[in-house]
Amino acid sequence: AEVGRAALAGQLPEEPSGQRLVVWTSYSLGEADVREKGRRSMWILKHDGRVVAHGRHKWQEGEALLPPLFVGHSRGGHAERRALLQIAERILQNAAAAGPDAGEPSGTVRLYASHTPCVSCLACFAQFRRLFPRVKLVVAFAAWDETRVQVLNSVL
């Protein structure tokens, strides 16, 4: 157990790096106001949880919908933004497939970040909420030193 912990400690940096951070997301989404309209939702999206890593999300429309801020370097690949791009793409694809009578997206998206989100990711959260005003975005995070300790303590 100590050998595994020491090996893991060597792989986890003391200071956070955007390229090594991950987020966990889950969501339950569908059309708003379907009960009031007396019908069932034309689309439903649910995911119990998944981990999303830093990287590029290859969806051109997303670049305009959730543009990253450039603060010292590109933050376009941050896991928080990438996770929201993946969810936004699914929402818009499902709403488009449902047709013009589909209601506005609503529901809840949960996102847990392994480190304090940067200003660019905070901007993406705000952009996501503006794009989907009836979707509740619940964000939680820990400071990197807390995450690092939790990961190291999880090794048996």
N, C-alpha and C. Protein backbone atom coordinates (compact mmCIF):
# COMPACT_ATOMS: atom_id res chain seq x y z
N ALA A 1 0.83 -1.20 0.00
CA ALA A 1 0.00 0.00 0.00
C ALA A 1 0.87 1.25 0.00
N GLU A 2 1.92 1.26 0.78
CA GLU A 2 2.79 2.44 0.82
C GLU A 2 3.54 2.62 -0.50
N VAL A 3 3.90 1.50 -1.15
CA VAL A 3 4.58 1.58 -2.44
C VAL A 3 3.63 2.21 -3.46
N GLY A 4 2.37 1.77 -3.48
CA GLY A 4 1.37 2.33 -4.40
C GLY A 4 1.12 3.79 -4.12
N ARG A 5 1.09 4.16 -2.84
CA ARG A 5 0.85 5.56 -2.46
C ARG A 5 2.03 6.43 -2.90
N ALA A 6 3.25 5.93 -2.70
CA ALA A 6 4.44 6.68 -3.10
C ALA A 6 4.49 6.85 -4.62
N ALA A 7 4.16 5.80 -5.35
CA ALA A 7 4.15 5.88 -6.80
C ALA A 7 3.11 6.88 -7.29
N LEU A 8 1.93 6.84 -6.68
CA LEU A 8 0.87 7.78 -7.05
C LEU A 8 1.26 9.20 -6.69
N ALA A 9 1.87 9.39 -5.53
CA ALA A 9 2.30 10.73 -5.12
C ALA A 9 3.29 11.32 -6.12
N GLY A 10 4.10 10.48 -6.72
CA GLY A 10 5.05 10.95 -7.72
C GLY A 10 4.37 11.38 -9.01
N GLN A 11 3.18 10.85 -9.28
CA GLN A 11 2.44 11.20 -10.49
C GLN A 11 1.53 12.39 -10.30
N LEU A 12 1.12 12.66 -9.06
CA LEU A 12 0.23 13.79 -8.79
C LEU A 12 1.07 15.03 -8.48
N PRO A 13 0.97 16.05 -9.30
CA PRO A 13 1.79 17.23 -9.04
C PRO A 13 1.39 17.95 -7.76
N GLU A 14 2.35 18.63 -7.17
CA GLU A 14 2.06 19.45 -5.98
C GLU A 14 1.14 20.60 -6.35
N GLU A 15 1.38 21.19 -7.51
CA GLU A 15 0.58 22.31 -7.99
C GLU A 15 -0.33 21.82 -9.12
N PRO A 16 -1.55 22.32 -9.19
CA PRO A 16 -2.47 21.86 -10.23
C PRO A 16 -2.05 22.30 -11.63
N SER A 17 -2.39 21.49 -12.60
CA SER A 17 -2.16 21.80 -14.00
C SER A 17 -3.45 21.51 -14.74
N GLY A 18 -3.95 22.48 -15.50
CA GLY A 18 -5.21 22.31 -16.22
C GLY A 18 -5.25 21.06 -17.07
N GLN A 19 -4.09 20.65 -17.59
CA GLN A 19 -4.05 19.48 -18.45
C GLN A 19 -4.21 18.18 -17.69
N ARG A 20 -4.10 18.21 -16.36
CA ARG A 20 -4.22 16.99 -15.57
C ARG A 20 -5.49 16.95 -14.73
N LEU A 21 -6.30 18.00 -14.81
CA LEU A 21 -7.51 18.07 -13.98
C LEU A 21 -8.69 17.44 -14.69
N VAL A 22 -9.61 16.90 -13.92
CA VAL A 22 -10.81 16.27 -14.45
C VAL A 22 -12.04 16.84 -13.74
N VAL A 23 -13.18 16.62 -14.37
CA VAL A 23 -14.46 16.94 -13.74
C VAL A 23 -15.35 15.71 -13.83
N TRP A 24 -16.33 15.68 -12.95
CA TRP A 24 -17.36 14.65 -12.98
C TRP A 24 -18.67 15.36 -13.27
N THR A 25 -19.46 14.83 -14.19
CA THR A 25 -20.76 15.43 -14.50
C THR A 25 -21.85 14.37 -14.49
N SER A 26 -23.04 14.82 -14.18
CA SER A 26 -24.24 14.02 -14.36
C SER A 26 -25.35 14.99 -14.74
N TYR A 27 -26.41 14.48 -15.33
CA TYR A 27 -27.50 15.37 -15.71
C TYR A 27 -28.80 14.60 -15.90
N SER A 28 -29.87 15.35 -15.76
CA SER A 28 -31.23 14.88 -16.01
C SER A 28 -31.94 16.04 -16.70
N LEU A 29 -32.19 15.88 -17.98
CA LEU A 29 -32.70 16.99 -18.79
C LEU A 29 -33.86 16.55 -19.68
N GLY A 30 -34.68 17.49 -20.03
CA GLY A 30 -35.80 17.25 -20.93
C GLY A 30 -36.43 18.57 -21.31
N GLU A 31 -37.65 18.49 -21.80
CA GLU A 31 -38.37 19.69 -22.19
C GLU A 31 -39.07 20.32 -21.00
N ALA A 32 -39.11 21.63 -21.00
CA ALA A 32 -39.83 22.36 -19.96
C ALA A 32 -41.33 22.37 -20.27
N ASP A 33 -42.13 22.46 -19.23
CA ASP A 33 -43.59 22.70 -19.33
C ASP A 33 -44.38 21.62 -20.05
N VAL A 34 -43.88 20.39 -20.11
CA VAL A 34 -44.64 19.35 -20.83
C VAL A 34 -45.92 18.98 -20.10
N ARG A 35 -45.91 18.99 -18.78
CA ARG A 35 -47.13 18.68 -18.04
C ARG A 35 -48.22 19.69 -18.32
N GLU A 36 -47.83 20.97 -18.36
CA GLU A 36 -48.79 22.02 -18.64
C GLU A 36 -49.37 21.90 -20.05
N LYS A 37 -48.57 21.35 -20.96
CA LYS A 37 -49.02 21.17 -22.34
C LYS A 37 -49.80 19.86 -22.52
N GLY A 38 -49.85 19.05 -21.45
CA GLY A 38 -50.60 17.80 -21.50
C GLY A 38 -49.99 16.74 -22.39
N ARG A 39 -48.68 16.71 -22.46
CA ARG A 39 -48.03 15.68 -23.28
C ARG A 39 -46.74 15.23 -22.62
N ARG A 40 -46.14 14.21 -23.21
CA ARG A 40 -44.86 13.70 -22.72
C ARG A 40 -43.72 14.45 -23.40
N SER A 41 -42.57 14.43 -22.75
CA SER A 41 -41.39 15.08 -23.31
C SER A 41 -41.00 14.40 -24.61
N MET A 42 -40.63 15.20 -25.60
CA MET A 42 -40.21 14.67 -26.89
C MET A 42 -38.77 14.18 -26.83
N TRP A 43 -38.05 14.59 -25.81
CA TRP A 43 -36.68 14.13 -25.62
C TRP A 43 -36.30 14.20 -24.15
N ILE A 44 -35.50 13.24 -23.74
CA ILE A 44 -35.00 13.17 -22.36
C ILE A 44 -33.53 12.76 -22.44
N LEU A 45 -32.69 13.44 -21.67
CA LEU A 45 -31.28 13.08 -21.57
C LEU A 45 -30.96 12.84 -20.11
N LYS A 46 -30.37 11.69 -19.81
CA LYS A 46 -29.96 11.39 -18.45
C LYS A 46 -28.60 10.72 -18.47
N HIS A 47 -27.80 11.10 -17.50
CA HIS A 47 -26.52 10.41 -17.31
C HIS A 47 -26.23 10.40 -15.82
N ASP A 48 -25.95 9.22 -15.28
CA ASP A 48 -25.71 9.08 -13.84
C ASP A 48 -24.34 9.58 -13.41
N GLY A 49 -23.46 9.79 -14.35
CA GLY A 49 -22.16 10.35 -14.00
C GLY A 49 -21.05 9.85 -14.89
N ARG A 50 -20.16 10.75 -15.21
CA ARG A 50 -18.99 10.40 -16.01
C ARG A 50 -17.88 11.37 -15.72
N VAL A 51 -16.66 10.94 -15.96
CA VAL A 51 -15.48 11.78 -15.77
C VAL A 51 -15.08 12.33 -17.13
N VAL A 52 -14.78 13.62 -17.15
CA VAL A 52 -14.35 14.29 -18.38
C VAL A 52 -12.97 14.91 -18.12
N ALA A 53 -12.04 14.63 -19.00
CA ALA A 53 -10.67 15.13 -18.86
C ALA A 53 -10.44 16.34 -19.75
N HIS A 54 -9.32 16.99 -19.54
CA HIS A 54 -8.87 18.10 -20.37
C HIS A 54 -8.73 17.61 -21.80
N GLY A 55 -9.05 18.45 -22.76
CA GLY A 55 -8.88 18.08 -24.16
C GLY A 55 -9.73 18.94 -25.06
N ARG A 56 -9.63 18.70 -26.32
CA ARG A 56 -10.39 19.47 -27.31
C ARG A 56 -11.68 18.74 -27.63
N HIS A 57 -12.77 19.48 -27.63
CA HIS A 57 -14.06 18.93 -28.04
C HIS A 57 -14.28 19.37 -29.48
N LYS A 58 -14.38 18.41 -30.38
CA LYS A 58 -14.44 18.71 -31.81
C LYS A 58 -15.86 18.98 -32.27
N TRP A 59 -16.39 20.11 -31.83
CA TRP A 59 -17.73 20.54 -32.24
C TRP A 59 -17.62 22.02 -32.57
N GLN A 60 -17.58 22.35 -33.84
CA GLN A 60 -17.32 23.72 -34.29
C GLN A 60 -18.31 24.72 -33.71
N GLU A 61 -19.60 24.38 -33.70
CA GLU A 61 -20.61 25.30 -33.19
C GLU A 61 -20.35 25.68 -31.73
N GLY A 62 -19.75 24.77 -31.00
CA GLY A 62 -19.47 25.00 -29.59
C GLY A 62 -18.48 26.12 -29.34
N GLU A 63 -17.59 26.33 -30.29
CA GLU A 63 -16.59 27.40 -30.14
C GLU A 63 -17.26 28.76 -30.00
N ALA A 64 -18.36 28.95 -30.70
CA ALA A 64 -19.08 30.22 -30.61
C ALA A 64 -20.04 30.26 -29.42
N LEU A 65 -20.58 29.11 -29.05
CA LEU A 65 -21.55 29.06 -27.95
C LEU A 65 -20.92 29.23 -26.57
N LEU A 66 -19.77 28.59 -26.37
CA LEU A 66 -19.07 28.66 -25.08
C LEU A 66 -17.60 29.02 -25.33
N PRO A 67 -17.35 30.24 -25.80
CA PRO A 67 -15.96 30.60 -26.11
C PRO A 67 -15.13 30.73 -24.84
N PRO A 68 -13.90 30.21 -24.88
CA PRO A 68 -13.03 30.34 -23.71
C PRO A 68 -12.38 31.72 -23.66
N LEU A 69 -11.96 32.10 -22.48
CA LEU A 69 -11.18 33.32 -22.34
C LEU A 69 -9.71 32.96 -22.51
N PHE A 70 -8.96 33.86 -23.08
CA PHE A 70 -7.52 33.67 -23.18
C PHE A 70 -6.90 34.48 -22.06
N VAL A 71 -6.39 33.78 -21.06
CA VAL A 71 -5.76 34.44 -19.90
C VAL A 71 -4.36 33.84 -19.76
N GLY A 72 -3.39 34.45 -20.41
CA GLY A 72 -2.03 33.96 -20.36
C GLY A 72 -1.76 32.82 -21.33
N HIS A 73 -2.75 31.98 -21.55
CA HIS A 73 -2.68 30.87 -22.49
C HIS A 73 -4.10 30.41 -22.80
N SER A 74 -4.25 29.56 -23.80
CA SER A 74 -5.57 29.07 -24.16
C SER A 74 -6.13 28.18 -23.06
N ARG A 75 -7.35 28.39 -22.69
CA ARG A 75 -8.03 27.58 -21.69
C ARG A 75 -9.19 26.80 -22.32
N GLY A 76 -9.15 26.73 -23.65
CA GLY A 76 -10.22 26.07 -24.39
C GLY A 76 -10.37 24.59 -24.12
N GLY A 77 -9.33 23.93 -23.66
CA GLY A 77 -9.39 22.49 -23.41
C GLY A 77 -9.69 22.12 -21.97
N HIS A 78 -9.95 23.10 -21.11
CA HIS A 78 -10.20 22.78 -19.71
C HIS A 78 -11.39 21.82 -19.58
N ALA A 79 -11.28 20.91 -18.65
CA ALA A 79 -12.28 19.86 -18.49
C ALA A 79 -13.68 20.42 -18.22
N GLU A 80 -13.79 21.50 -17.46
CA GLU A 80 -15.11 22.08 -17.17
C GLU A 80 -15.80 22.52 -18.46
N ARG A 81 -15.07 23.22 -19.30
CA ARG A 81 -15.63 23.69 -20.58
C ARG A 81 -15.95 22.51 -21.48
N ARG A 82 -15.05 21.56 -21.55
CA ARG A 82 -15.25 20.40 -22.41
C ARG A 82 -16.51 19.62 -21.99
N ALA A 83 -16.70 19.46 -20.69
CA ALA A 83 -17.89 18.75 -20.20
C ALA A 83 -19.17 19.49 -20.59
N LEU A 84 -19.18 20.81 -20.42
CA LEU A 84 -20.37 21.59 -20.77
C LEU A 84 -20.60 21.60 -22.27
N LEU A 85 -19.54 21.59 -23.07
CA LEU A 85 -19.70 21.49 -24.52
C LEU A 85 -20.35 20.17 -24.91
N GLN A 86 -19.92 19.08 -24.30
CA GLN A 86 -20.49 17.78 -24.60
C GLN A 86 -21.99 17.76 -24.27
N ILE A 87 -22.34 18.33 -23.14
CA ILE A 87 -23.75 18.35 -22.72
C ILE A 87 -24.56 19.28 -23.62
N ALA A 88 -24.04 20.47 -23.92
CA ALA A 88 -24.74 21.41 -24.79
C ALA A 88 -24.98 20.80 -26.18
N GLU A 89 -23.99 20.11 -26.70
CA GLU A 89 -24.15 19.48 -28.01
C GLU A 89 -25.28 18.45 -27.98
N ARG A 90 -25.33 17.64 -26.94
CA ARG A 90 -26.40 16.64 -26.83
C ARG A 90 -27.77 17.29 -26.70
N ILE A 91 -27.86 18.35 -25.88
CA ILE A 91 -29.13 19.06 -25.71
C ILE A 91 -29.61 19.59 -27.06
N LEU A 92 -28.75 20.30 -27.76
CA LEU A 92 -29.15 20.93 -29.02
C LEU A 92 -29.47 19.90 -30.10
N GLN A 93 -28.74 18.78 -30.14
CA GLN A 93 -29.04 17.72 -31.10
C GLN A 93 -30.41 17.12 -30.83
N ASN A 94 -30.70 16.83 -29.57
CA ASN A 94 -31.98 16.22 -29.22
C ASN A 94 -33.14 17.18 -29.44
N ALA A 95 -32.95 18.44 -29.09
CA ALA A 95 -34.00 19.44 -29.31
C ALA A 95 -34.27 19.62 -30.80
N ALA A 96 -33.22 19.65 -31.62
CA ALA A 96 -33.40 19.80 -33.06
C ALA A 96 -34.11 18.59 -33.66
N ALA A 97 -33.74 17.39 -33.20
CA ALA A 97 -34.38 16.17 -33.70
C ALA A 97 -35.86 16.10 -33.33
N ALA A 98 -36.21 16.72 -32.20
CA ALA A 98 -37.61 16.72 -31.75
C ALA A 98 -38.47 17.66 -32.58
N GLY A 99 -37.87 18.59 -33.27
CA GLY A 99 -38.61 19.49 -34.14
C GLY A 99 -38.98 20.80 -33.49
N PRO A 100 -39.66 21.65 -34.26
CA PRO A 100 -39.96 23.00 -33.80
C PRO A 100 -40.95 23.07 -32.63
N ASP A 101 -41.71 22.00 -32.40
CA ASP A 101 -42.66 22.01 -31.29
C ASP A 101 -42.04 21.61 -29.96
N ALA A 102 -40.78 21.27 -30.00
CA ALA A 102 -40.10 20.87 -28.77
C ALA A 102 -40.01 22.06 -27.82
N GLY A 103 -40.17 21.76 -26.54
CA GLY A 103 -40.09 22.82 -25.53
C GLY A 103 -38.65 23.18 -25.20
N GLU A 104 -38.52 24.24 -24.45
CA GLU A 104 -37.21 24.72 -24.01
C GLU A 104 -36.55 23.69 -23.09
N PRO A 105 -35.24 23.48 -23.20
CA PRO A 105 -34.56 22.53 -22.31
C PRO A 105 -34.66 22.95 -20.85
N SER A 106 -34.87 21.96 -19.99
CA SER A 106 -34.90 22.20 -18.54
C SER A 106 -34.34 20.98 -17.83
N GLY A 107 -34.05 21.14 -16.56
CA GLY A 107 -33.52 20.04 -15.77
C GLY A 107 -32.33 20.50 -14.97
N THR A 108 -31.44 19.55 -14.66
CA THR A 108 -30.29 19.83 -13.81
C THR A 108 -29.03 19.20 -14.39
N VAL A 109 -27.96 19.99 -14.38
CA VAL A 109 -26.61 19.50 -14.72
C VAL A 109 -25.78 19.68 -13.46
N ARG A 110 -25.09 18.61 -13.05
CA ARG A 110 -24.19 18.66 -11.89
C ARG A 110 -22.77 18.50 -12.38
N LEU A 111 -21.88 19.34 -11.85
CA LEU A 111 -20.47 19.30 -12.26
C LEU A 111 -19.62 19.44 -11.01
N TYR A 112 -18.71 18.49 -10.84
CA TYR A 112 -17.75 18.56 -9.73
C TYR A 112 -16.35 18.65 -10.33
N ALA A 113 -15.62 19.69 -9.95
CA ALA A 113 -14.27 19.91 -10.46
C ALA A 113 -13.25 19.52 -9.39
N SER A 114 -12.15 18.93 -9.83
CA SER A 114 -11.11 18.48 -8.90
C SER A 114 -10.21 19.63 -8.42
N HIS A 115 -10.50 20.84 -8.89
CA HIS A 115 -9.74 22.02 -8.46
C HIS A 115 -10.63 23.25 -8.67
N THR A 116 -10.29 24.33 -8.03
CA THR A 116 -11.02 25.59 -8.16
C THR A 116 -11.06 26.01 -9.63
N PRO A 117 -12.25 26.23 -10.20
CA PRO A 117 -12.34 26.64 -11.61
C PRO A 117 -11.68 28.00 -11.85
N CYS A 118 -11.06 28.12 -13.01
CA CYS A 118 -10.42 29.39 -13.39
C CYS A 118 -11.48 30.36 -13.91
N VAL A 119 -11.08 31.58 -14.19
CA VAL A 119 -12.01 32.61 -14.64
C VAL A 119 -12.63 32.24 -15.99
N SER A 120 -11.90 31.57 -16.86
CA SER A 120 -12.45 31.16 -18.14
C SER A 120 -13.56 30.12 -17.94
N CYS A 121 -13.36 29.20 -17.02
CA CYS A 121 -14.39 28.19 -16.74
C CYS A 121 -15.62 28.84 -16.09
N LEU A 122 -15.38 29.81 -15.21
CA LEU A 122 -16.51 30.55 -14.63
C LEU A 122 -17.31 31.24 -15.73
N ALA A 123 -16.62 31.80 -16.71
CA ALA A 123 -17.31 32.42 -17.84
C ALA A 123 -18.12 31.38 -18.62
N CYS A 124 -17.58 30.19 -18.79
CA CYS A 124 -18.31 29.12 -19.49
C CYS A 124 -19.57 28.72 -18.71
N PHE A 125 -19.48 28.69 -17.38
CA PHE A 125 -20.67 28.39 -16.58
C PHE A 125 -21.76 29.42 -16.87
N ALA A 126 -21.37 30.70 -16.88
CA ALA A 126 -22.34 31.78 -17.14
C ALA A 126 -22.90 31.69 -18.56
N GLN A 127 -22.05 31.38 -19.53
CA GLN A 127 -22.50 31.24 -20.91
C GLN A 127 -23.48 30.08 -21.06
N PHE A 128 -23.20 28.97 -20.38
CA PHE A 128 -24.09 27.81 -20.42
C PHE A 128 -25.46 28.17 -19.85
N ARG A 129 -25.46 28.88 -18.72
CA ARG A 129 -26.73 29.29 -18.09
C ARG A 129 -27.50 30.25 -18.99
N ARG A 130 -26.80 31.12 -19.68
CA ARG A 130 -27.48 32.06 -20.59
C ARG A 130 -28.07 31.30 -21.77
N LEU A 131 -27.35 30.31 -22.26
CA LEU A 131 -27.81 29.50 -23.39
C LEU A 131 -29.02 28.64 -23.00
N PHE A 132 -29.01 28.13 -21.77
CA PHE A 132 -30.08 27.26 -21.27
C PHE A 132 -30.60 27.80 -19.94
N PRO A 133 -31.38 28.87 -19.96
CA PRO A 133 -31.79 29.53 -18.72
C PRO A 133 -32.66 28.67 -17.79
N ARG A 134 -33.29 27.63 -18.31
CA ARG A 134 -34.14 26.80 -17.47
C ARG A 134 -33.44 25.53 -17.00
N VAL A 135 -32.14 25.44 -17.28
CA VAL A 135 -31.33 24.32 -16.80
C VAL A 135 -30.57 24.80 -15.58
N LYS A 136 -30.76 24.10 -14.48
CA LYS A 136 -30.05 24.42 -13.25
C LYS A 136 -28.65 23.83 -13.34
N LEU A 137 -27.64 24.66 -13.15
CA LEU A 137 -26.25 24.21 -13.17
C LEU A 137 -25.71 24.23 -11.75
N VAL A 138 -25.41 23.06 -11.23
CA VAL A 138 -24.91 22.92 -9.87
C VAL A 138 -23.42 22.60 -9.96
N VAL A 139 -22.58 23.49 -9.43
CA VAL A 139 -21.13 23.33 -9.52
C VAL A 139 -20.55 23.21 -8.12
N ALA A 140 -19.69 22.23 -7.94
CA ALA A 140 -18.96 22.07 -6.69
C ALA A 140 -17.50 21.80 -7.05
N PHE A 141 -16.61 22.10 -6.12
CA PHE A 141 -15.19 21.88 -6.39
C PHE A 141 -14.45 21.82 -5.07
N ALA A 142 -13.23 21.35 -5.15
CA ALA A 142 -12.32 21.34 -3.99
C ALA A 142 -11.03 22.01 -4.41
N ALA A 143 -10.30 22.52 -3.46
CA ALA A 143 -8.98 23.05 -3.75
C ALA A 143 -8.07 21.86 -4.10
N TRP A 144 -7.07 22.09 -4.94
CA TRP A 144 -6.21 21.00 -5.40
C TRP A 144 -5.57 20.25 -4.24
N ASP A 145 -5.11 20.96 -3.21
CA ASP A 145 -4.44 20.25 -2.11
C ASP A 145 -5.40 19.29 -1.42
N GLU A 146 -6.69 19.63 -1.35
CA GLU A 146 -7.69 18.71 -0.77
C GLU A 146 -7.89 17.50 -1.67
N THR A 147 -8.01 17.74 -2.97
CA THR A 147 -8.19 16.64 -3.92
C THR A 147 -7.00 15.70 -3.88
N ARG A 148 -5.81 16.26 -3.87
CA ARG A 148 -4.58 15.45 -3.86
C ARG A 148 -4.53 14.56 -2.62
N VAL A 149 -4.85 15.11 -1.46
CA VAL A 149 -4.85 14.33 -0.22
C VAL A 149 -5.90 13.22 -0.30
N GLN A 150 -7.08 13.52 -0.80
CA GLN A 150 -8.14 12.51 -0.91
C GLN A 150 -7.72 11.36 -1.84
N VAL A 151 -7.10 11.71 -2.96
CA VAL A 151 -6.66 10.68 -3.91
C VAL A 151 -5.57 9.81 -3.26
N LEU A 152 -4.62 10.45 -2.62
CA LEU A 152 -3.54 9.69 -1.99
C LEU A 152 -4.06 8.82 -0.83
N ASN A 153 -5.03 9.31 -0.09
CA ASN A 153 -5.60 8.53 1.02
C ASN A 153 -6.48 7.39 0.54
N SER A 154 -6.92 7.45 -0.71
CA SER A 154 -7.79 6.38 -1.23
C SER A 154 -7.01 5.13 -1.61
N VAL A 155 -5.70 5.24 -1.72
CA VAL A 155 -4.87 4.08 -2.07
C VAL A 155 -4.72 3.22 -0.82
N LEU A 156 -5.03 1.97 -0.96
CA LEU A 156 -4.97 1.04 0.19
C LEU A 156 -3.57 0.72 0.59
